[in-house]
């Protein structure tokens, strides 16, 4: 694997504090910078993959909702079902009928 040098400016106070953090982790500043860079790249990839998956789920749901064969539920029946479920949970939690 080819390696490159990464050079940038940072104020002395931040550099000293970062060197102390690295020393506390028994690493050099270069080692800690590599770890932080790898973590940033990994997090960014995960976020982009999740975003891609989520957008796909939304597109699928919207497409499915537009299908004429998709069964529809009336708001009142959904609300009634939810209220019954909530009453059951409240009864279980308190030990007395809602």
PDB file of N, CA and C in Angstrom:
ATOM      1  N   UNK A   1       0.852  -1.169   0.000  1.00  0.00           N
ATOM      2  CA  UNK A   1       0.000   0.000   0.000  1.00  0.00           C
ATOM      3  C   UNK A   1       0.897   1.231   0.000  1.00  0.00           C
ATOM      4  N   UNK A   2       0.607   2.146  -0.910  1.00  0.00           N
ATOM      5  CA  UNK A   2       1.372   3.397  -0.989  1.00  0.00           C
ATOM      6  C   UNK A   2       0.993   4.295   0.177  1.00  0.00           C
ATOM      7  N   UNK A   3       1.956   5.047   0.651  1.00  0.00           N
ATOM      8  CA  UNK A   3       1.707   5.974   1.758  1.00  0.00           C
ATOM      9  C   UNK A   3       2.023   7.387   1.317  1.00  0.00           C
ATOM     10  N   UNK A   4       1.314   8.331   1.907  1.00  0.00           N
ATOM     11  CA  UNK A   4       1.521   9.744   1.614  1.00  0.00           C
ATOM     12  C   UNK A   4       1.766  10.494   2.909  1.00  0.00           C
ATOM     13  N   UNK A   5       2.406  11.627   2.778  1.00  0.00           N
ATOM     14  CA  UNK A   5       2.609  12.504   3.928  1.00  0.00           C
ATOM     15  C   UNK A   5       1.505  13.541   3.921  1.00  0.00           C
ATOM     16  N   UNK A   6       0.952  13.790   5.087  1.00  0.00           N
ATOM     17  CA  UNK A   6      -0.137  14.737   5.243  1.00  0.00           C
ATOM     18  C   UNK A   6       0.388  15.869   6.128  1.00  0.00           C
ATOM     19  N   UNK A   7       0.490  17.063   5.590  1.00  0.00           N
ATOM     20  CA  UNK A   7       1.035  18.194   6.334  1.00  0.00           C
ATOM     21  C   UNK A   7      -0.013  19.284   6.474  1.00  0.00           C
ATOM     22  N   UNK A   8      -0.169  19.800   7.699  1.00  0.00           N
ATOM     23  CA  UNK A   8      -1.106  20.902   7.911  1.00  0.00           C
ATOM     24  C   UNK A   8      -0.652  21.717   9.123  1.00  0.00           C
ATOM     25  N   UNK A   9      -1.193  22.906   9.237  1.00  0.00           N
ATOM     26  CA  UNK A   9      -0.845  23.798  10.338  1.00  0.00           C
ATOM     27  C   UNK A   9      -1.864  23.662  11.462  1.00  0.00           C
ATOM     28  N   UNK A  10      -1.358  23.753  12.689  1.00  0.00           N
ATOM     29  CA  UNK A  10      -2.207  23.722  13.869  1.00  0.00           C
ATOM     30  C   UNK A  10      -1.523  24.575  14.933  1.00  0.00           C
ATOM     31  N   UNK A  11      -2.317  25.263  15.760  1.00  0.00           N
ATOM     32  CA  UNK A  11      -1.679  26.130  16.758  1.00  0.00           C
ATOM     33  C   UNK A  11      -0.979  25.293  17.825  1.00  0.00           C
ATOM     34  N   UNK A  12       0.007  25.876  18.450  1.00  0.00           N
ATOM     35  CA  UNK A  12       0.865  25.165  19.405  1.00  0.00           C
ATOM     36  C   UNK A  12       0.080  24.576  20.572  1.00  0.00           C
ATOM     37  N   UNK A  13      -0.903  25.315  21.058  1.00  0.00           N
ATOM     38  CA  UNK A  13      -1.680  24.847  22.203  1.00  0.00           C
ATOM     39  C   UNK A  13      -2.447  23.568  21.861  1.00  0.00           C
ATOM     40  N   UNK A  14      -3.078  23.552  20.697  1.00  0.00           N
ATOM     41  CA  UNK A  14      -3.814  22.369  20.270  1.00  0.00           C
ATOM     42  C   UNK A  14      -2.866  21.200  20.033  1.00  0.00           C
ATOM     43  N   UNK A  15      -1.718  21.458  19.416  1.00  0.00           N
ATOM     44  CA  UNK A  15      -0.750  20.394  19.162  1.00  0.00           C
ATOM     45  C   UNK A  15      -0.267  19.776  20.467  1.00  0.00           C
ATOM     46  N   UNK A  16       0.021  20.615  21.459  1.00  0.00           N
ATOM     47  CA  UNK A  16       0.475  20.108  22.759  1.00  0.00           C
ATOM     48  C   UNK A  16      -0.613  19.279  23.439  1.00  0.00           C
ATOM     49  N   UNK A  17      -1.840  19.774  23.413  1.00  0.00           N
ATOM     50  CA  UNK A  17      -2.942  19.039  24.028  1.00  0.00           C
ATOM     51  C   UNK A  17      -3.161  17.701  23.317  1.00  0.00           C
ATOM     52  N   UNK A  18      -3.073  17.706  21.975  1.00  0.00           N
ATOM     53  CA  UNK A  18      -3.255  16.476  21.209  1.00  0.00           C
ATOM     54  C   UNK A  18      -2.127  15.488  21.497  1.00  0.00           C
ATOM     55  N   UNK A  19      -0.912  15.990  21.617  1.00  0.00           N
ATOM     56  CA  UNK A  19       0.234  15.127  21.945  1.00  0.00           C
ATOM     57  C   UNK A  19       0.028  14.473  23.307  1.00  0.00           C
ATOM     58  N   UNK A  20      -0.554  15.210  24.228  1.00  0.00           N
ATOM     59  CA  UNK A  20      -0.824  14.663  25.563  1.00  0.00           C
ATOM     60  C   UNK A  20      -1.889  13.561  25.483  1.00  0.00           C
ATOM     61  N   UNK A  21      -2.923  13.802  24.683  1.00  0.00           N
ATOM     62  CA  UNK A  21      -3.969  12.789  24.495  1.00  0.00           C
ATOM     63  C   UNK A  21      -3.357  11.528  23.887  1.00  0.00           C
ATOM     64  N   UNK A  22      -2.525  11.700  22.883  1.00  0.00           N
ATOM     65  CA  UNK A  22      -1.874  10.556  22.239  1.00  0.00           C
ATOM     66  C   UNK A  22      -1.011   9.792  23.238  1.00  0.00           C
ATOM     67  N   UNK A  23      -0.246  10.526  24.038  1.00  0.00           N
ATOM     68  CA  UNK A  23       0.619   9.893  25.039  1.00  0.00           C
ATOM     69  C   UNK A  23      -0.216   9.123  26.063  1.00  0.00           C
ATOM     70  N   UNK A  24      -1.358   9.684  26.455  1.00  0.00           N
ATOM     71  CA  UNK A  24      -2.240   8.997  27.401  1.00  0.00           C
ATOM     72  C   UNK A  24      -2.752   7.671  26.837  1.00  0.00           C
ATOM     73  N   UNK A  25      -2.820   7.592  25.511  1.00  0.00           N
ATOM     74  CA  UNK A  25      -3.267   6.365  24.853  1.00  0.00           C
ATOM     75  C   UNK A  25      -2.086   5.504  24.399  1.00  0.00           C
ATOM     76  N   UNK A  26      -0.893   5.904  24.810  1.00  0.00           N
ATOM     77  CA  UNK A  26       0.343   5.203  24.452  1.00  0.00           C
ATOM     78  C   UNK A  26       0.501   5.094  22.941  1.00  0.00           C
ATOM     79  N   UNK A  27       0.256   6.223  22.267  1.00  0.00           N
ATOM     80  CA  UNK A  27       0.396   6.316  20.820  1.00  0.00           C
ATOM     81  C   UNK A  27       1.163   7.581  20.488  1.00  0.00           C
ATOM     82  N   UNK A  28       1.719   7.593  19.289  1.00  0.00           N
ATOM     83  CA  UNK A  28       2.303   8.834  18.796  1.00  0.00           C
ATOM     84  C   UNK A  28       1.167   9.676  18.218  1.00  0.00           C
ATOM     85  N   UNK A  29       1.444  10.954  17.988  1.00  0.00           N
ATOM     86  CA  UNK A  29       0.407  11.800  17.391  1.00  0.00           C
ATOM     87  C   UNK A  29       0.051  11.290  15.995  1.00  0.00           C
ATOM     88  N   UNK A  30       1.027  10.813  15.258  1.00  0.00           N
ATOM     89  CA  UNK A  30       0.774  10.291  13.914  1.00  0.00           C
ATOM     90  C   UNK A  30      -0.133   9.057  13.982  1.00  0.00           C
ATOM     91  N   UNK A  31       0.127   8.170  14.937  1.00  0.00           N
ATOM     92  CA  UNK A  31      -0.715   6.982  15.081  1.00  0.00           C
ATOM     93  C   UNK A  31      -2.149   7.367  15.414  1.00  0.00           C
ATOM     94  N   UNK A  32      -2.307   8.312  16.340  1.00  0.00           N
ATOM     95  CA  UNK A  32      -3.643   8.732  16.733  1.00  0.00           C
ATOM     96  C   UNK A  32      -4.356   9.436  15.583  1.00  0.00           C
ATOM     97  N   UNK A  33      -3.644  10.237  14.821  1.00  0.00           N
ATOM     98  CA  UNK A  33      -4.247  10.883  13.655  1.00  0.00           C
ATOM     99  C   UNK A  33      -4.738   9.852  12.640  1.00  0.00           C
ATOM    100  N   UNK A  34      -3.946   8.803  12.421  1.00  0.00           N
ATOM    101  CA  UNK A  34      -4.373   7.747  11.495  1.00  0.00           C
ATOM    102  C   UNK A  34      -5.648   7.074  11.994  1.00  0.00           C
ATOM    103  N   UNK A  35      -5.711   6.786  13.300  1.00  0.00           N
ATOM    104  CA  UNK A  35      -6.902   6.161  13.878  1.00  0.00           C
ATOM    105  C   UNK A  35      -8.112   7.073  13.692  1.00  0.00           C
ATOM    106  N   UNK A  36      -7.947   8.359  13.983  1.00  0.00           N
ATOM    107  CA  UNK A  36      -9.049   9.305  13.849  1.00  0.00           C
ATOM    108  C   UNK A  36      -9.494   9.445  12.397  1.00  0.00           C
ATOM    109  N   UNK A  37      -8.549   9.452  11.476  1.00  0.00           N
ATOM    110  CA  UNK A  37      -8.889   9.546  10.058  1.00  0.00           C
ATOM    111  C   UNK A  37      -9.648   8.301   9.601  1.00  0.00           C
ATOM    112  N   UNK A  38      -9.181   7.122  10.015  1.00  0.00           N
ATOM    113  CA  UNK A  38      -9.864   5.871   9.646  1.00  0.00           C
ATOM    114  C   UNK A  38     -11.281   5.856  10.216  1.00  0.00           C
ATOM    115  N   UNK A  39     -11.441   6.296  11.468  1.00  0.00           N
ATOM    116  CA  UNK A  39     -12.764   6.344  12.083  1.00  0.00           C
ATOM    117  C   UNK A  39     -13.690   7.293  11.318  1.00  0.00           C
ATOM    118  N   UNK A  40     -13.177   8.444  10.923  1.00  0.00           N
ATOM    119  CA  UNK A  40     -13.979   9.420  10.186  1.00  0.00           C
ATOM    120  C   UNK A  40     -14.439   8.841   8.845  1.00  0.00           C
ATOM    121  N   UNK A  41     -13.541   8.167   8.152  1.00  0.00           N
ATOM    122  CA  UNK A  41     -13.883   7.556   6.866  1.00  0.00           C
ATOM    123  C   UNK A  41     -14.919   6.451   7.064  1.00  0.00           C
ATOM    124  N   UNK A  42     -14.732   5.629   8.090  1.00  0.00           N
ATOM    125  CA  UNK A  42     -15.659   4.539   8.376  1.00  0.00           C
ATOM    126  C   UNK A  42     -17.054   5.082   8.718  1.00  0.00           C
ATOM    127  N   UNK A  43     -17.123   6.084   9.595  1.00  0.00           N
ATOM    128  CA  UNK A  43     -18.411   6.686   9.965  1.00  0.00           C
ATOM    129  C   UNK A  43     -19.104   7.291   8.755  1.00  0.00           C
ATOM    130  N   UNK A  44     -18.335   7.978   7.913  1.00  0.00           N
ATOM    131  CA  UNK A  44     -18.925   8.588   6.718  1.00  0.00           C
ATOM    132  C   UNK A  44     -19.502   7.522   5.795  1.00  0.00           C
ATOM    133  N   UNK A  45     -18.785   6.427   5.609  1.00  0.00           N
ATOM    134  CA  UNK A  45     -19.280   5.335   4.756  1.00  0.00           C
ATOM    135  C   UNK A  45     -20.558   4.738   5.327  1.00  0.00           C
ATOM    136  N   UNK A  46     -20.564   4.517   6.648  1.00  0.00           N
ATOM    137  CA  UNK A  46     -21.754   3.950   7.275  1.00  0.00           C
ATOM    138  C   UNK A  46     -22.952   4.882   7.124  1.00  0.00           C
ATOM    139  N   UNK A  47     -22.731   6.174   7.320  1.00  0.00           N
ATOM    140  CA  UNK A  47     -23.818   7.143   7.177  1.00  0.00           C
ATOM    141  C   UNK A  47     -24.355   7.168   5.751  1.00  0.00           C
ATOM    142  N   UNK A  48     -23.437   7.146   4.768  1.00  0.00           N
ATOM    143  CA  UNK A  48     -23.879   7.161   3.376  1.00  0.00           C
ATOM    144  C   UNK A  48     -24.616   5.876   3.012  1.00  0.00           C
ATOM    145  N   UNK A  49     -24.136   4.728   3.508  1.00  0.00           N
ATOM    146  CA  UNK A  49     -24.815   3.458   3.243  1.00  0.00           C
ATOM    147  C   UNK A  49     -26.199   3.450   3.882  1.00  0.00           C
ATOM    148  N   UNK A  50     -26.310   3.937   5.110  1.00  0.00           N
ATOM    149  CA  UNK A  50     -27.601   3.984   5.783  1.00  0.00           C
ATOM    150  C   UNK A  50     -28.543   4.921   5.036  1.00  0.00           C
ATOM    151  N   UNK A  51     -28.035   6.064   4.610  1.00  0.00           N
ATOM    152  CA  UNK A  51     -28.856   7.011   3.875  1.00  0.00           C
ATOM    153  C   UNK A  51     -29.357   6.394   2.581  1.00  0.00           C
ATOM    154  N   UNK A  52     -28.499   5.686   1.872  1.00  0.00           N
ATOM    155  CA  UNK A  52     -28.880   5.028   0.625  1.00  0.00           C
ATOM    156  C   UNK A  52     -29.969   3.970   0.896  1.00  0.00           C
ATOM    157  N   UNK A  53     -29.772   3.169   1.956  1.00  0.00           N
ATOM    158  CA  UNK A  53     -30.755   2.155   2.322  1.00  0.00           C
ATOM    159  C   UNK A  53     -32.084   2.820   2.697  1.00  0.00           C
ATOM    160  N   UNK A  54     -32.028   3.861   3.531  1.00  0.00           N
ATOM    161  CA  UNK A  54     -33.238   4.523   4.007  1.00  0.00           C
ATOM    162  C   UNK A  54     -34.019   5.132   2.849  1.00  0.00           C
ATOM    163  N   UNK A  55     -33.312   5.799   1.944  1.00  0.00           N
ATOM    164  CA  UNK A  55     -33.980   6.385   0.783  1.00  0.00           C
ATOM    165  C   UNK A  55     -34.640   5.299  -0.070  1.00  0.00           C
ATOM    166  N   UNK A  56     -33.985   4.154  -0.175  1.00  0.00           N
ATOM    167  CA  UNK A  56     -34.568   3.029  -0.909  1.00  0.00           C
ATOM    168  C   UNK A  56     -35.841   2.524  -0.241  1.00  0.00           C
ATOM    169  N   UNK A  57     -35.827   2.464   1.088  1.00  0.00           N
ATOM    170  CA  UNK A  57     -37.010   2.032   1.830  1.00  0.00           C
ATOM    171  C   UNK A  57     -38.174   3.003   1.618  1.00  0.00           C
ATOM    172  N   UNK A  58     -37.857   4.299   1.636  1.00  0.00           N
ATOM    173  CA  UNK A  58     -38.891   5.317   1.427  1.00  0.00           C
ATOM    174  C   UNK A  58     -39.459   5.196   0.015  1.00  0.00           C
ATOM    175  N   UNK A  59     -38.573   5.067  -0.976  1.00  0.00           N
ATOM    176  CA  UNK A  59     -39.035   4.916  -2.361  1.00  0.00           C
ATOM    177  C   UNK A  59     -39.925   3.688  -2.512  1.00  0.00           C
ATOM    178  N   UNK A  60     -39.518   2.594  -1.887  1.00  0.00           N
ATOM    179  CA  UNK A  60     -40.313   1.364  -1.948  1.00  0.00           C
ATOM    180  C   UNK A  60     -41.680   1.567  -1.301  1.00  0.00           C
ATOM    181  N   UNK A  61     -41.700   2.203  -0.130  1.00  0.00           N
ATOM    182  CA  UNK A  61     -42.960   2.434   0.579  1.00  0.00           C
ATOM    183  C   UNK A  61     -43.882   3.341  -0.222  1.00  0.00           C
ATOM    184  N   UNK A  62     -43.321   4.385  -0.823  1.00  0.00           N
ATOM    185  CA  UNK A  62     -44.144   5.289  -1.626  1.00  0.00           C
ATOM    186  C   UNK A  62     -44.700   4.578  -2.851  1.00  0.00           C
ATOM    187  N   UNK A  63     -43.870   3.768  -3.478  1.00  0.00           N
ATOM    188  CA  UNK A  63     -44.313   3.008  -4.644  1.00  0.00           C
ATOM    189  C   UNK A  63     -45.417   2.025  -4.250  1.00  0.00           C
ATOM    190  N   UNK A  64     -45.213   1.344  -3.135  1.00  0.00           N
ATOM    191  CA  UNK A  64     -46.203   0.387  -2.642  1.00  0.00           C
ATOM    192  C   UNK A  64     -47.513   1.095  -2.284  1.00  0.00           C
ATOM    193  N   UNK A  65     -47.411   2.273  -1.691  1.00  0.00           N
ATOM    194  CA  UNK A  65     -48.610   3.030  -1.306  1.00  0.00           C
ATOM    195  C   UNK A  65     -49.392   3.487  -2.531  1.00  0.00           C
ATOM    196  N   UNK A  66     -48.696   3.710  -3.637  1.00  0.00           N
ATOM    197  CA  UNK A  66     -49.358   4.145  -4.863  1.00  0.00           C
ATOM    198  C   UNK A  66     -50.052   3.000  -5.605  1.00  0.00           C
ATOM    199  N   UNK A  67     -49.750   1.766  -5.236  1.00  0.00           N
ATOM    200  CA  UNK A  67     -50.355   0.615  -5.896  1.00  0.00           C
ATOM    201  C   UNK A  67     -51.841   0.541  -5.559  1.00  0.00           C
ATOM    202  N   UNK A  68     -52.694   0.428  -6.554  1.00  0.00           N
ATOM    203  CA  UNK A  68     -54.133   0.341  -6.292  1.00  0.00           C
ATOM    204  C   UNK A  68     -54.518  -0.884  -5.460  1.00  0.00           C
ATOM    205  N   UNK A  69     -53.724  -1.957  -5.549  1.00  0.00           N
ATOM    206  CA  UNK A  69     -54.063  -3.185  -4.826  1.00  0.00           C
ATOM    207  C   UNK A  69     -53.666  -3.136  -3.349  1.00  0.00           C
ATOM    208  N   UNK A  70     -52.954  -2.105  -2.939  1.00  0.00           N
ATOM    209  CA  UNK A  70     -52.531  -2.002  -1.544  1.00  0.00           C
ATOM    210  C   UNK A  70     -53.750  -1.768  -0.657  1.00  0.00           C
ATOM    211  N   UNK A  71     -53.941  -2.635   0.353  1.00  0.00           N
ATOM    212  CA  UNK A  71     -55.108  -2.453   1.225  1.00  0.00           C
ATOM    213  C   UNK A  71     -54.995  -1.150   2.019  1.00  0.00           C
ATOM    214  N   UNK A  72     -56.105  -0.505   2.240  1.00  0.00           N
ATOM    215  CA  UNK A  72     -56.161   0.749   2.976  1.00  0.00           C
ATOM    216  C   UNK A  72     -56.863   0.520   4.318  1.00  0.00           C
ATOM    217  N   UNK A  73     -56.406   1.218   5.329  1.00  0.00           N
ATOM    218  CA  UNK A  73     -57.037   1.159   6.644  1.00  0.00           C
ATOM    219  C   UNK A  73     -57.571   2.545   6.975  1.00  0.00           C
ATOM    220  N   UNK A  74     -58.768   2.593   7.480  1.00  0.00           N
ATOM    221  CA  UNK A  74     -59.358   3.869   7.865  1.00  0.00           C
ATOM    222  C   UNK A  74     -58.669   4.389   9.124  1.00  0.00           C
ATOM    223  N   UNK A  75     -58.505   5.677   9.194  1.00  0.00           N
ATOM    224  CA  UNK A  75     -57.841   6.299  10.341  1.00  0.00           C
ATOM    225  C   UNK A  75     -58.542   5.918  11.647  1.00  0.00           C
ATOM    226  N   UNK A  76     -59.870   5.923  11.637  1.00  0.00           N
ATOM    227  CA  UNK A  76     -60.623   5.600  12.852  1.00  0.00           C
ATOM    228  C   UNK A  76     -60.347   4.205  13.362  1.00  0.00           C
ATOM    229  N   UNK A  77     -60.235   3.231  12.462  1.00  0.00           N
ATOM    230  CA  UNK A  77     -59.986   1.855  12.906  1.00  0.00           C
ATOM    231  C   UNK A  77     -58.564   1.700  13.447  1.00  0.00           C
ATOM    232  N   UNK A  78     -57.610   2.385  12.844  1.00  0.00           N
ATOM    233  CA  UNK A  78     -56.230   2.342  13.339  1.00  0.00           C
ATOM    234  C   UNK A  78     -56.162   2.994  14.714  1.00  0.00           C
ATOM    235  N   UNK A  79     -56.809   4.136  14.854  1.00  0.00           N
ATOM    236  CA  UNK A  79     -56.809   4.860  16.137  1.00  0.00           C
ATOM    237  C   UNK A  79     -57.469   4.013  17.224  1.00  0.00           C
ATOM    238  N   UNK A  80     -58.594   3.379  16.907  1.00  0.00           N
ATOM    239  CA  UNK A  80     -59.298   2.541  17.872  1.00  0.00           C
ATOM    240  C   UNK A  80     -58.418   1.372  18.320  1.00  0.00           C
ATOM    241  N   UNK A  81     -57.749   0.737  17.351  1.00  0.00           N
ATOM    242  CA  UNK A  81     -56.854  -0.382  17.667  1.00  0.00           C
ATOM    243  C   UNK A  81     -55.719   0.071  18.577  1.00  0.00           C
ATOM    244  N   UNK A  82     -55.167   1.229  18.271  1.00  0.00           N
ATOM    245  CA  UNK A  82     -54.068   1.762  19.071  1.00  0.00           C
ATOM    246  C   UNK A  82     -54.539   2.067  20.491  1.00  0.00           C
ATOM    247  N   UNK A  83     -55.744   2.642  20.625  1.00  0.00           N
ATOM    248  CA  UNK A  83     -56.278   2.962  21.954  1.00  0.00           C
ATOM    249  C   UNK A  83     -56.514   1.684  22.766  1.00  0.00           C
ATOM    250  N   UNK A  84     -56.975   0.631  22.117  1.00  0.00           N
ATOM    251  CA  UNK A  84     -57.172  -0.642  22.807  1.00  0.00           C
ATOM    252  C   UNK A  84     -55.839  -1.214  23.278  1.00  0.00           C
ATOM    253  N   UNK A  85     -54.837  -1.148  22.414  1.00  0.00           N
ATOM    254  CA  UNK A  85     -53.509  -1.641  22.796  1.00  0.00           C
ATOM    255  C   UNK A  85     -52.952  -0.835  23.963  1.00  0.00           C
ATOM    256  N   UNK A  86     -53.130   0.467  23.916  1.00  0.00           N
ATOM    257  CA  UNK A  86     -52.626   1.331  24.991  1.00  0.00           C
ATOM    258  C   UNK A  86     -53.344   1.017  26.305  1.00  0.00           C
ATOM    259  N   UNK A  87     -54.654   0.811  26.252  1.00  0.00           N
ATOM    260  CA  UNK A  87     -55.416   0.474  27.455  1.00  0.00           C
ATOM    261  C   UNK A  87     -54.911  -0.836  28.055  1.00  0.00           C
ATOM    262  N   UNK A  88     -54.622  -1.813  27.207  1.00  0.00           N
ATOM    263  CA  UNK A  88     -54.096  -3.098  27.672  1.00  0.00           C
ATOM    264  C   UNK A  88     -52.742  -2.918  28.354  1.00  0.00           C
ATOM    265  N   UNK A  89     -51.873  -2.116  27.743  1.00  0.00           N
ATOM    266  CA  UNK A  89     -50.544  -1.874  28.326  1.00  0.00           C
ATOM    267  C   UNK A  89     -50.679  -1.138  29.651  1.00  0.00           C
ATOM    268  N   UNK A  90     -51.549  -0.130  29.700  1.00  0.00           N
ATOM    269  CA  UNK A  90     -51.771   0.609  30.953  1.00  0.00           C
ATOM    270  C   UNK A  90     -52.292  -0.316  32.043  1.00  0.00           C
ATOM    271  N   UNK A  91     -53.200  -1.204  31.665  1.00  0.00           N
ATOM    272  CA  UNK A  91     -53.767  -2.142  32.634  1.00  0.00           C
ATOM    273  C   UNK A  91     -52.697  -3.091  33.161  1.00  0.00           C
ATOM    274  N   UNK A  92     -51.826  -3.566  32.270  1.00  0.00           N
ATOM    275  CA  UNK A  92     -50.744  -4.449  32.688  1.00  0.00           C
ATOM    276  C   UNK A  92     -49.762  -3.710  33.598  1.00  0.00           C
ATOM    277  N   UNK A  93     -49.509  -2.441  33.297  1.00  0.00           N
ATOM    278  CA  UNK A  93     -48.537  -1.672  34.075  1.00  0.00           C
ATOM    279  C   UNK A  93     -49.076  -1.314  35.457  1.00  0.00           C
ATOM    280  N   UNK A  94     -50.355  -0.996  35.543  1.00  0.00           N
ATOM    281  CA  UNK A  94     -50.923  -0.540  36.816  1.00  0.00           C
ATOM    282  C   UNK A  94     -51.619  -1.635  37.582  1.00  0.00           C
ATOM    283  N   UNK A  95     -52.012  -2.706  36.894  1.00  0.00           N
ATOM    284  CA  UNK A  95     -52.720  -3.803  37.552  1.00  0.00           C
ATOM    285  C   UNK A  95     -54.199  -3.540  37.741  1.00  0.00           C
ATOM    286  N   UNK A  96     -54.707  -2.461  37.152  1.00  0.00           N
ATOM    287  CA  UNK A  96     -56.137  -2.164  37.249  1.00  0.00           C
ATOM    288  C   UNK A  96     -56.672  -1.742  35.878  1.00  0.00           C
ATOM    289  N   UNK A  97     -57.940  -2.000  35.656  1.00  0.00           N
ATOM    290  CA  UNK A  97     -58.524  -1.654  34.355  1.00  0.00           C
ATOM    291  C   UNK A  97     -58.414  -0.163  34.059  1.00  0.00           C
ATOM    292  N   UNK A  98     -58.239   0.147  32.782  1.00  0.00           N
ATOM    293  CA  UNK A  98     -58.090   1.549  32.363  1.00  0.00           C
ATOM    294  C   UNK A  98     -59.412   2.270  32.348  1.00  0.00           C
TER     295      UNK A  98
END
